[in-house]
Amino acid sequence: MLPPSLRAFTAVPRHALGRHYASHGTPHYNEPTGWLFGEKPLPPGQKRVKEDWENIWYFGMFGSMALAAVLLYYKPDTSIQTWALKEAKERMEARGEKYKYESSS
């Protein structure tokens, strides 16, 4: 015999809870159709009509990629080697030393 606190849970039928633990009933996702992006091929001579959001996505996606490429190309050089070379040249000039190699011939 079940205790009274557990009897309340068994009194409700499982289908009333809205939970399905088996693979029966209609699927909860879009089943594969075999067509690319779920679009059937158009008859010959017809042109595909773009949806409203497609051009915005193309310009946004490829425009941001182009902008990122330009920004990366013109990015300032912040490496430690560049800073150290500049600092060393300034210190050598301040001491009166030459930092460029000049051949003796």
C-alpha atoms as a PDB file:
ATOM      1  CA  MET A   1       0.000   0.000   0.000  1.00  0.00           C
ATOM      2  CA  LEU A   2       1.303   3.478  -0.912  1.00  0.00           C
ATOM      3  CA  PRO A   3       1.553   6.223   1.666  1.00  0.00           C
ATOM      4  CA  PRO A   4      -1.035   9.022   1.306  1.00  0.00           C
ATOM      5  CA  SER A   5       1.583  11.522   0.062  1.00  0.00           C
ATOM      6  CA  LEU A   6       2.385   9.302  -2.972  1.00  0.00           C
ATOM      7  CA  ARG A   7      -1.222   8.376  -3.701  1.00  0.00           C
ATOM      8  CA  ALA A   8      -1.887  11.878  -5.018  1.00  0.00           C
ATOM      9  CA  PHE A   9       0.692  11.402  -7.782  1.00  0.00           C
ATOM     10  CA  THR A  10      -0.669   8.076  -8.928  1.00  0.00           C
ATOM     11  CA  ALA A  11      -4.244   9.348  -9.124  1.00  0.00           C
ATOM     12  CA  VAL A  12      -3.457  11.564 -12.144  1.00  0.00           C
ATOM     13  CA  PRO A  13      -3.268   9.642 -15.429  1.00  0.00           C
ATOM     14  CA  ARG A  14      -0.016  10.009 -17.351  1.00  0.00           C
ATOM     15  CA  HIS A  15      -1.627  11.408 -20.497  1.00  0.00           C
ATOM     16  CA  ALA A  16      -3.008  14.299 -18.437  1.00  0.00           C
ATOM     17  CA  LEU A  17       0.502  15.376 -17.457  1.00  0.00           C
ATOM     18  CA  GLY A  18       1.441  16.072 -21.090  1.00  0.00           C
ATOM     19  CA  ARG A  19       4.636  14.047 -20.980  1.00  0.00           C
ATOM     20  CA  HIS A  20       5.475  11.463 -23.600  1.00  0.00           C
ATOM     21  CA  TYR A  21       8.412   9.201 -22.946  1.00  0.00           C
ATOM     22  CA  ALA A  22       7.965   6.875 -25.889  1.00  0.00           C
ATOM     23  CA  SER A  23       8.423   7.550 -29.592  1.00  0.00           C
ATOM     24  CA  HIS A  24       4.790   7.567 -30.617  1.00  0.00           C
ATOM     25  CA  GLY A  25       2.546  10.297 -31.901  1.00  0.00           C
ATOM     26  CA  THR A  26       3.452  13.063 -34.298  1.00  0.00           C
ATOM     27  CA  PRO A  27       7.084  14.198 -34.404  1.00  0.00           C
ATOM     28  CA  HIS A  28       7.982  17.441 -32.665  1.00  0.00           C
ATOM     29  CA  TYR A  29      10.431  18.585 -35.342  1.00  0.00           C
ATOM     30  CA  ASN A  30      10.429  19.139 -39.078  1.00  0.00           C
ATOM     31  CA  GLU A  31      11.029  15.768 -40.671  1.00  0.00           C
ATOM     32  CA  PRO A  32      13.637  15.658 -43.422  1.00  0.00           C
ATOM     33  CA  THR A  33      12.180  15.915 -46.923  1.00  0.00           C
ATOM     34  CA  GLY A  34      15.319  15.207 -48.924  1.00  0.00           C
ATOM     35  CA  TRP A  35      15.260  18.657 -50.519  1.00  0.00           C
ATOM     36  CA  LEU A  36      17.940  21.269 -49.846  1.00  0.00           C
ATOM     37  CA  PHE A  37      16.589  23.620 -47.139  1.00  0.00           C
ATOM     38  CA  GLY A  38      13.189  21.962 -47.577  1.00  0.00           C
ATOM     39  CA  GLU A  39      12.569  23.706 -50.929  1.00  0.00           C
ATOM     40  CA  LYS A  40      11.439  21.637 -53.864  1.00  0.00           C
ATOM     41  CA  PRO A  41      13.189  22.337 -57.174  1.00  0.00           C
ATOM     42  CA  LEU A  42      11.297  24.748 -59.397  1.00  0.00           C
ATOM     43  CA  PRO A  43      10.082  23.735 -62.826  1.00  0.00           C
ATOM     44  CA  PRO A  44      12.390  24.722 -65.705  1.00  0.00           C
ATOM     45  CA  GLY A  45      12.120  28.383 -66.665  1.00  0.00           C
ATOM     46  CA  GLN A  46      10.972  29.606 -63.260  1.00  0.00           C
ATOM     47  CA  LYS A  47      13.165  31.745 -61.040  1.00  0.00           C
ATOM     48  CA  ARG A  48      13.361  31.406 -57.279  1.00  0.00           C
ATOM     49  CA  VAL A  49      11.824  34.306 -55.368  1.00  0.00           C
ATOM     50  CA  LYS A  50      13.982  35.541 -52.485  1.00  0.00           C
ATOM     51  CA  GLU A  51      12.436  36.210 -49.125  1.00  0.00           C
ATOM     52  CA  ASP A  52      12.611  39.695 -47.615  1.00  0.00           C
ATOM     53  CA  TRP A  53      15.294  38.891 -45.058  1.00  0.00           C
ATOM     54  CA  GLU A  54      17.762  37.219 -47.450  1.00  0.00           C
ATOM     55  CA  ASN A  55      19.335  40.361 -48.956  1.00  0.00           C
ATOM     56  CA  ILE A  56      19.675  41.947 -45.517  1.00  0.00           C
ATOM     57  CA  TRP A  57      21.444  38.805 -44.299  1.00  0.00           C
ATOM     58  CA  TYR A  58      23.798  38.704 -47.311  1.00  0.00           C
ATOM     59  CA  PHE A  59      24.765  42.381 -46.995  1.00  0.00           C
ATOM     60  CA  GLY A  60      25.121  42.132 -43.230  1.00  0.00           C
ATOM     61  CA  MET A  61      27.147  38.935 -43.251  1.00  0.00           C
ATOM     62  CA  PHE A  62      29.527  39.664 -46.098  1.00  0.00           C
ATOM     63  CA  GLY A  63      29.685  43.388 -45.328  1.00  0.00           C
ATOM     64  CA  SER A  64      30.783  42.685 -41.778  1.00  0.00           C
ATOM     65  CA  MET A  65      33.371  40.205 -43.063  1.00  0.00           C
ATOM     66  CA  ALA A  66      34.765  42.836 -45.448  1.00  0.00           C
ATOM     67  CA  LEU A  67      34.820  45.445 -42.673  1.00  0.00           C
ATOM     68  CA  ALA A  68      36.621  43.003 -40.370  1.00  0.00           C
ATOM     69  CA  ALA A  69      39.204  42.304 -43.092  1.00  0.00           C
ATOM     70  CA  VAL A  70      39.874  46.039 -43.583  1.00  0.00           C
ATOM     71  CA  LEU A  71      40.110  46.659 -39.848  1.00  0.00           C
ATOM     72  CA  LEU A  72      42.510  43.736 -39.383  1.00  0.00           C
ATOM     73  CA  TYR A  73      44.659  44.950 -42.293  1.00  0.00           C
ATOM     74  CA  TYR A  74      45.027  48.436 -40.814  1.00  0.00           C
ATOM     75  CA  LYS A  75      45.291  47.288 -37.196  1.00  0.00           C
ATOM     76  CA  PRO A  76      48.134  49.048 -35.349  1.00  0.00           C
ATOM     77  CA  ASP A  77      51.189  46.961 -34.531  1.00  0.00           C
ATOM     78  CA  THR A  78      51.157  46.494 -30.760  1.00  0.00           C
ATOM     79  CA  SER A  79      53.652  43.666 -30.478  1.00  0.00           C
ATOM     80  CA  ILE A  80      56.278  43.743 -27.759  1.00  0.00           C
ATOM     81  CA  GLN A  81      59.076  43.334 -30.337  1.00  0.00           C
ATOM     82  CA  THR A  82      58.074  46.505 -32.193  1.00  0.00           C
ATOM     83  CA  TRP A  83      57.896  48.481 -28.960  1.00  0.00           C
ATOM     84  CA  ALA A  84      61.263  47.145 -27.781  1.00  0.00           C
ATOM     85  CA  LEU A  85      62.971  47.999 -31.087  1.00  0.00           C
ATOM     86  CA  LYS A  86      61.604  51.545 -31.012  1.00  0.00           C
ATOM     87  CA  GLU A  87      62.615  51.977 -27.371  1.00  0.00           C
ATOM     88  CA  ALA A  88      66.122  50.637 -28.044  1.00  0.00           C
ATOM     89  CA  LYS A  89      66.609  53.013 -30.995  1.00  0.00           C
ATOM     90  CA  GLU A  90      65.510  55.994 -28.906  1.00  0.00           C
ATOM     91  CA  ARG A  91      67.876  55.082 -26.070  1.00  0.00           C
ATOM     92  CA  MET A  92      70.812  54.538 -28.433  1.00  0.00           C
ATOM     93  CA  GLU A  93      70.181  57.898 -30.113  1.00  0.00           C
ATOM     94  CA  ALA A  94      70.038  59.584 -26.708  1.00  0.00           C
ATOM     95  CA  ARG A  95      73.483  58.118 -25.862  1.00  0.00           C
ATOM     96  CA  GLY A  96      74.874  59.128 -29.254  1.00  0.00           C
ATOM     97  CA  GLU A  97      75.346  55.582 -30.542  1.00  0.00           C
ATOM     98  CA  LYS A  98      74.521  54.409 -34.043  1.00  0.00           C
ATOM     99  CA  TYR A  99      71.807  51.840 -34.358  1.00  0.00           C
ATOM    100  CA  LYS A 100      72.255  51.178 -38.086  1.00  0.00           C
ATOM    101  CA  TYR A 101      75.019  48.933 -39.318  1.00  0.00           C
ATOM    102  CA  GLU A 102      77.459  50.646 -41.654  1.00  0.00           C
ATOM    103  CA  SER A 103      79.971  48.522 -43.498  1.00  0.00           C
ATOM    104  CA  SER A 104      83.617  49.540 -43.182  1.00  0.00           C
ATOM    105  CA  SER A 105      84.523  48.920 -46.811  1.00  0.00           C
END
